[in-house]
Amino acid sequence: MNLSETSYKRGRTDLALEVSERFEQDNVEVKGVILKETYHKNKEIKVTTVTVENEQGAKVMGKPIGTYITIEAPKLSEEDESYHKPLSKEIAKYLKKLMGEKKSEHVLVVGLGNRDITPDALGPEVVDNLFVTRHLIREYGQEFKEHNKMENMSAIAPGVMGQTGMEVSEILRGIIRETKPELVIVIDALAARSMERLNTTIQITDTGISPGSGVGNNRKALNEEGLGVKVIAIGCPTVVDASTIVYDTMENFMSDKGFSEDEVNNFIKEVGDMTIKNMFVTPKNIDEAIKKTSYTISEALNSCFCESLTE
């Protein structure tokens, strides 16, 4: 997303849910956008599906046409196996929904990001925890595949342009040309508008992804149009725009002192221009949060493509 005059108030975000909330706050109905919420009280999980139906909705939302499923799980980064297991099943359920009825015989999972920078290491960490099967099936054959109830899954963490000198899309097109997967699943760290959604939210979408878009570092989009194969993206917000924190804090303080909304906006914009442009913040427990989140996502993927692991 691009910074605008309201971005100091709104903040950057990769979450379609947060974009839709902006219009709810302003009491604006967006034609071409459908929002559906479900709360699983026993699991402490809230699921919101935002469907962008047409070009009009896509233009207003600033998001491609498609389905965006957001799973809000407050205990995602906590050490609680009784919470993570049903959460993994929930992620797998919605992932299968976006994959459709036809099962993919070969899936390529791509872990985007830089593993040397913790808030950006979600993708590589997920790949490290996957049970890849392509080499096993090639070695032992179709009977082995059927006996173990597994699909053909391969995976790669391609790094970032600063490490390889190549666009991720260039690397993936070469891999896709050689291995011919029917589905690509990309995993990436995202940016959020709300502090409360950091490391507590999973977004799954069938529109692909533009790596780095949430922090203004746009790379070529990874989608069906660019890669020639269906792409599903899974992400979790790990950073928040620093301007968001400043605005929320100052808004509360200045509102209590009687300043108007315009005065608050003008003040935050001026401060932002001077001190906090293009700065992002991540929680102090990010190491542990990435570990827990990556494990939960990888377990969801393993259960989708190797049923024998969950029996």
Protein backbone atom coordinates (compact mmCIF):
# COMPACT_ATOMS: atom_id res chain seq x y z
CA MET A 1 0.00 0.00 0.00
CA ASN A 2 1.13 3.57 -0.65
CA LEU A 3 1.32 6.17 2.08
CA SER A 4 -1.38 8.83 1.78
CA GLU A 5 -2.34 11.76 3.98
CA THR A 6 -4.52 9.42 6.01
CA SER A 7 -1.88 6.72 6.32
CA TYR A 8 -0.58 8.26 9.54
CA LYS A 9 -4.00 7.57 10.97
CA ARG A 10 -4.69 4.34 9.17
CA GLY A 11 -1.27 2.74 8.83
CA ARG A 12 -0.12 0.23 6.24
CA THR A 13 -1.75 -3.20 6.23
CA ASP A 14 -1.74 -6.41 4.20
CA LEU A 15 -4.98 -7.61 5.80
CA ALA A 16 -8.12 -7.30 3.69
CA LEU A 17 -10.11 -7.40 6.93
CA GLU A 18 -8.47 -4.21 8.18
CA VAL A 19 -9.11 -2.47 4.87
CA SER A 20 -12.81 -3.38 5.09
CA GLU A 21 -12.94 -2.11 8.69
CA ARG A 22 -11.98 1.37 7.52
CA PHE A 23 -15.23 1.62 5.57
CA GLU A 24 -17.25 0.23 8.48
CA GLN A 25 -15.83 2.94 10.76
CA ASP A 26 -16.88 5.59 8.22
CA ASN A 27 -20.31 3.90 7.74
CA VAL A 28 -19.60 3.38 4.03
CA GLU A 29 -21.06 0.40 2.17
CA VAL A 30 -18.69 -1.01 -0.44
CA LYS A 31 -20.44 -2.50 -3.45
CA GLY A 32 -18.80 -5.62 -4.76
CA VAL A 33 -17.42 -6.59 -1.34
CA ILE A 34 -19.08 -9.20 0.90
CA LEU A 35 -18.05 -9.73 4.52
CA LYS A 36 -19.02 -12.76 6.61
CA GLU A 37 -18.01 -13.41 10.23
CA THR A 38 -18.03 -16.64 12.25
CA TYR A 39 -16.96 -17.00 15.88
CA HIS A 40 -16.02 -20.43 17.26
CA LYS A 41 -16.49 -19.82 20.97
CA ASN A 42 -15.22 -23.22 22.07
CA LYS A 43 -12.02 -22.74 20.05
CA GLU A 44 -11.60 -19.02 20.80
CA ILE A 45 -11.21 -18.39 17.07
CA LYS A 46 -12.93 -15.78 14.92
CA VAL A 47 -13.06 -16.27 11.15
CA THR A 48 -13.87 -13.42 8.77
CA THR A 49 -14.25 -13.95 5.03
CA VAL A 50 -13.93 -10.90 2.79
CA THR A 51 -14.95 -11.59 -0.81
CA VAL A 52 -14.02 -9.03 -3.45
CA GLU A 53 -16.49 -9.84 -6.23
CA ASN A 54 -15.77 -7.39 -9.02
CA GLU A 55 -13.53 -4.61 -10.33
CA GLN A 56 -15.47 -1.96 -8.45
CA GLY A 57 -14.86 -3.70 -5.14
CA ALA A 58 -11.21 -4.33 -6.06
CA LYS A 59 -10.66 -0.64 -6.85
CA VAL A 60 -12.15 0.55 -3.58
CA MET A 61 -10.40 -2.08 -1.47
CA GLY A 62 -7.07 -1.83 -3.28
CA LYS A 63 -7.07 -5.63 -3.38
CA PRO A 64 -7.41 -8.09 -6.32
CA ILE A 65 -10.70 -9.90 -6.93
CA GLY A 66 -10.82 -13.03 -4.79
CA THR A 67 -11.43 -14.45 -1.33
CA TYR A 68 -9.59 -13.36 1.82
CA ILE A 69 -10.07 -15.53 4.91
CA THR A 70 -8.80 -14.09 8.20
CA ILE A 71 -8.48 -16.34 11.24
CA GLU A 72 -8.06 -14.37 14.47
CA ALA A 73 -6.53 -16.54 17.20
CA PRO A 74 -5.49 -14.60 20.35
CA LYS A 75 -3.37 -17.49 21.68
CA LEU A 76 -1.51 -18.16 18.42
CA SER A 77 1.92 -17.32 19.86
CA GLU A 78 1.32 -18.99 23.23
CA GLU A 79 2.62 -22.36 24.41
CA ASP A 80 -0.64 -24.31 24.40
CA GLU A 81 -0.83 -27.52 22.36
CA SER A 82 -4.56 -27.90 23.11
CA TYR A 83 -5.08 -24.58 21.30
CA HIS A 84 -2.64 -25.00 18.41
CA LYS A 85 -3.91 -28.41 17.28
CA PRO A 86 -7.52 -27.32 16.59
CA LEU A 87 -6.18 -24.08 15.11
CA SER A 88 -4.06 -26.06 12.64
CA LYS A 89 -7.17 -28.03 11.66
CA GLU A 90 -9.06 -24.77 11.16
CA ILE A 91 -6.33 -23.42 8.89
CA ALA A 92 -6.29 -26.70 6.95
CA LYS A 93 -10.08 -26.58 6.55
CA TYR A 94 -10.07 -23.14 4.95
CA LEU A 95 -7.01 -23.94 2.89
CA LYS A 96 -8.84 -26.93 1.41
CA LYS A 97 -11.84 -24.68 0.77
CA LEU A 98 -9.73 -22.34 -1.36
CA MET A 99 -8.03 -25.25 -3.14
CA GLY A 100 -11.42 -26.48 -4.32
CA GLU A 101 -12.80 -29.96 -4.84
CA LYS A 102 -10.10 -31.03 -7.27
CA LYS A 103 -7.05 -32.28 -5.37
CA SER A 104 -3.67 -31.10 -6.60
CA GLU A 105 -1.32 -33.98 -7.38
CA HIS A 106 1.76 -31.80 -6.94
CA VAL A 107 2.03 -28.81 -4.60
CA LEU A 108 4.96 -26.41 -4.31
CA VAL A 109 5.22 -24.54 -0.99
CA VAL A 110 7.28 -21.34 -1.05
CA GLY A 111 8.57 -19.76 2.16
CA LEU A 112 9.11 -16.08 1.38
CA GLY A 113 11.30 -13.78 3.44
CA ASN A 114 14.73 -13.40 4.97
CA ARG A 115 15.46 -16.00 7.65
CA ASP A 116 18.19 -13.75 9.10
CA ILE A 117 15.62 -11.09 10.07
CA THR A 118 13.27 -12.62 12.64
CA PRO A 119 10.03 -10.74 11.80
CA ASP A 120 10.56 -11.73 8.14
CA ALA A 121 11.51 -15.36 8.82
CA LEU A 122 8.00 -16.89 8.94
CA GLY A 123 8.13 -18.38 5.44
CA PRO A 124 11.52 -20.10 5.77
CA GLU A 125 10.58 -21.39 9.25
CA VAL A 126 7.39 -22.96 7.88
CA VAL A 127 9.37 -24.68 5.11
CA ASP A 128 11.82 -26.07 7.69
CA ASN A 129 8.92 -27.81 9.48
CA LEU A 130 7.27 -29.33 6.38
CA PHE A 131 7.19 -33.03 5.58
CA VAL A 132 8.14 -32.83 1.90
CA THR A 133 7.31 -35.91 -0.13
CA ARG A 134 8.19 -35.36 -3.79
CA HIS A 135 11.54 -37.14 -3.53
CA LEU A 136 9.99 -40.07 -1.64
CA ILE A 137 7.25 -40.58 -4.22
CA ARG A 138 9.77 -40.39 -7.07
CA GLU A 139 11.91 -43.00 -5.30
CA TYR A 140 9.24 -45.47 -4.10
CA GLY A 141 6.41 -44.96 -6.59
CA GLN A 142 2.65 -44.61 -6.71
CA GLU A 143 1.91 -47.54 -4.39
CA PHE A 144 3.98 -45.92 -1.61
CA LYS A 145 2.14 -42.64 -2.19
CA GLU A 146 -1.31 -44.22 -1.92
CA HIS A 147 -0.41 -46.42 1.06
CA ASN A 148 0.79 -43.39 3.04
CA LYS A 149 -2.09 -41.17 1.86
CA MET A 150 0.25 -38.43 0.72
CA GLU A 151 0.32 -35.91 -2.08
CA ASN A 152 3.39 -34.78 -3.98
CA MET A 153 4.72 -31.82 -1.97
CA SER A 154 7.97 -29.95 -2.59
CA ALA A 155 9.17 -26.78 -0.89
CA ILE A 156 11.70 -23.98 -1.18
CA ALA A 157 12.77 -20.86 0.74
CA PRO A 158 14.20 -18.74 -2.11
CA GLY A 159 15.52 -15.88 0.03
CA VAL A 160 15.23 -12.23 -0.97
CA MET A 161 16.65 -10.20 -3.83
CA GLY A 162 19.37 -8.71 -1.63
CA GLN A 163 20.71 -12.24 -1.04
CA THR A 164 20.23 -13.78 -4.51
CA GLY A 165 20.19 -10.87 -6.96
CA MET A 166 17.03 -12.36 -8.46
CA GLU A 167 13.32 -11.65 -8.18
CA VAL A 168 11.49 -14.44 -6.37
CA SER A 169 9.14 -14.63 -9.35
CA GLU A 170 12.11 -15.37 -11.63
CA ILE A 171 13.28 -18.20 -9.39
CA LEU A 172 9.79 -19.67 -9.12
CA ARG A 173 9.09 -19.57 -12.84
CA GLY A 174 12.19 -21.70 -13.40
CA ILE A 175 11.18 -24.19 -10.70
CA ILE A 176 7.61 -24.37 -11.99
CA ARG A 177 8.82 -24.96 -15.54
CA GLU A 178 10.97 -27.91 -14.38
CA THR A 179 8.76 -29.52 -11.71
CA LYS A 180 5.29 -28.59 -13.06
CA PRO A 181 3.28 -28.19 -9.82
CA GLU A 182 -0.49 -27.73 -10.10
CA LEU A 183 -0.66 -25.45 -7.07
CA VAL A 184 1.74 -23.01 -5.42
CA ILE A 185 1.27 -22.03 -1.77
CA VAL A 186 3.30 -19.01 -0.66
CA ILE A 187 3.93 -18.20 3.01
CA ASP A 188 4.95 -14.70 4.06
CA ALA A 189 5.10 -12.32 7.02
CA LEU A 190 2.63 -9.43 6.73
CA ALA A 191 2.11 -5.93 8.11
CA ALA A 192 -0.97 -5.03 10.20
CA ARG A 193 -2.75 -1.84 11.15
CA SER A 194 -3.72 -3.07 14.61
CA MET A 195 -1.22 -3.95 17.33
CA GLU A 196 -3.65 -6.57 18.63
CA ARG A 197 -3.42 -8.52 15.37
CA LEU A 198 0.36 -8.99 15.46
CA ASN A 199 1.18 -12.70 15.76
CA THR A 200 -2.50 -13.51 16.45
CA THR A 201 -3.90 -13.52 12.92
CA ILE A 202 -3.66 -15.77 9.87
CA GLN A 203 -4.80 -14.60 6.42
CA ILE A 204 -5.42 -17.10 3.61
CA THR A 205 -6.23 -15.87 0.12
CA ASP A 206 -6.55 -17.26 -3.40
CA THR A 207 -5.22 -14.06 -5.01
CA GLY A 208 -1.50 -14.65 -4.48
CA ILE A 209 0.75 -12.03 -2.92
CA SER A 210 3.08 -9.11 -3.63
CA PRO A 211 6.15 -9.72 -1.42
CA GLY A 212 7.06 -6.74 0.75
CA SER A 213 3.98 -4.67 -0.15
CA GLY A 214 3.01 -4.11 3.48
CA VAL A 215 6.28 -2.28 4.20
CA GLY A 216 6.44 -0.42 0.90
CA ASN A 217 9.03 -2.73 -0.68
CA ASN A 218 7.00 -4.01 -3.61
CA ARG A 219 8.36 -6.89 -5.68
CA LYS A 220 6.69 -8.60 -8.63
CA ALA A 221 3.38 -10.21 -7.66
CA LEU A 222 3.24 -13.96 -7.19
CA ASN A 223 -0.13 -14.90 -8.65
CA GLU A 224 -1.70 -17.14 -11.26
CA GLU A 225 -1.28 -14.54 -13.98
CA GLY A 226 2.46 -14.20 -13.38
CA LEU A 227 3.35 -17.82 -12.56
CA GLY A 228 0.88 -19.67 -14.79
CA VAL A 229 -0.42 -21.82 -11.94
CA LYS A 230 -2.96 -21.34 -9.15
CA VAL A 231 -1.48 -19.52 -6.14
CA ILE A 232 -2.74 -19.48 -2.56
CA ALA A 233 -1.08 -17.18 -0.03
CA ILE A 234 -0.88 -17.68 3.74
CA GLY A 235 0.43 -14.92 5.97
CA CYS A 236 0.66 -13.66 9.53
CA PRO A 237 1.28 -10.01 10.49
CA THR A 238 4.53 -9.60 12.41
CA VAL A 239 5.12 -5.83 12.10
CA VAL A 240 3.08 -2.66 12.47
CA ASP A 241 3.75 0.79 11.02
CA ALA A 242 5.33 2.99 13.72
CA SER A 243 3.03 5.82 12.68
CA THR A 244 0.10 3.69 13.82
CA ILE A 245 1.47 3.47 17.35
CA VAL A 246 2.20 7.19 17.45
CA TYR A 247 -1.22 8.09 16.10
CA ASP A 248 -3.14 5.84 18.46
CA THR A 249 -1.22 7.16 21.46
CA MET A 250 -1.45 10.81 20.48
CA GLU A 251 -5.07 10.53 19.38
CA ASN A 252 -6.11 9.30 22.80
CA PHE A 253 -4.03 11.92 24.59
CA MET A 254 -5.03 14.88 22.40
CA SER A 255 -8.70 13.90 22.27
CA ASP A 256 -8.77 13.87 26.06
CA LYS A 257 -7.29 17.39 25.95
CA GLY A 258 -10.06 18.63 23.63
CA PHE A 259 -8.23 18.79 20.28
CA SER A 260 -10.30 18.19 17.13
CA GLU A 261 -9.75 15.23 14.76
CA ASP A 262 -8.31 17.54 12.06
CA GLU A 263 -5.86 19.02 14.55
CA VAL A 264 -4.77 15.54 15.62
CA ASN A 265 -4.34 14.42 11.98
CA ASN A 266 -2.30 17.49 11.06
CA PHE A 267 -0.08 17.12 14.11
CA ILE A 268 0.59 13.41 13.49
CA LYS A 269 1.35 14.01 9.82
CA GLU A 270 3.88 16.70 10.72
CA VAL A 271 5.55 14.50 13.35
CA GLY A 272 5.53 11.55 10.99
CA ASP A 273 7.19 13.50 8.21
CA MET A 274 10.00 14.43 10.58
CA THR A 275 10.69 11.29 12.58
CA ILE A 276 8.86 8.06 11.79
CA LYS A 277 8.61 7.75 8.04
CA ASN A 278 9.03 4.13 6.88
CA MET A 279 9.65 2.75 10.37
CA PHE A 280 8.10 -0.53 11.52
CA VAL A 281 7.81 -2.14 14.93
CA THR A 282 7.68 -5.76 16.02
CA PRO A 283 6.91 -7.25 19.50
CA LYS A 284 9.76 -8.20 21.83
CA ASN A 285 8.63 -11.87 21.87
CA ILE A 286 8.89 -12.14 18.07
CA ASP A 287 11.36 -15.08 18.20
CA GLU A 288 8.97 -17.28 20.13
CA ALA A 289 5.95 -16.04 18.17
CA ILE A 290 7.53 -16.93 14.82
CA LYS A 291 8.42 -20.37 16.15
CA LYS A 292 4.86 -21.10 17.31
CA THR A 293 3.15 -19.62 14.26
CA SER A 294 5.40 -21.37 11.75
CA TYR A 295 4.80 -24.71 13.47
CA THR A 296 1.03 -24.23 13.45
CA ILE A 297 0.97 -23.34 9.75
CA SER A 298 3.30 -26.17 8.79
CA GLU A 299 1.15 -28.67 10.69
CA ALA A 300 -1.88 -27.44 8.76
CA LEU A 301 -0.04 -27.96 5.46
CA ASN A 302 1.29 -31.38 6.51
CA SER A 303 -2.23 -32.53 7.39
CA CYS A 304 -3.53 -31.33 4.01
CA PHE A 305 -0.98 -33.20 1.94
CA CYS A 306 0.00 -36.17 4.09
CA GLU A 307 -3.02 -37.57 5.91
CA SER A 308 -1.06 -40.40 7.53
CA LEU A 309 0.74 -37.85 9.74
CA THR A 310 -2.53 -36.88 11.43
CA GLU A 311 -3.91 -40.38 12.01
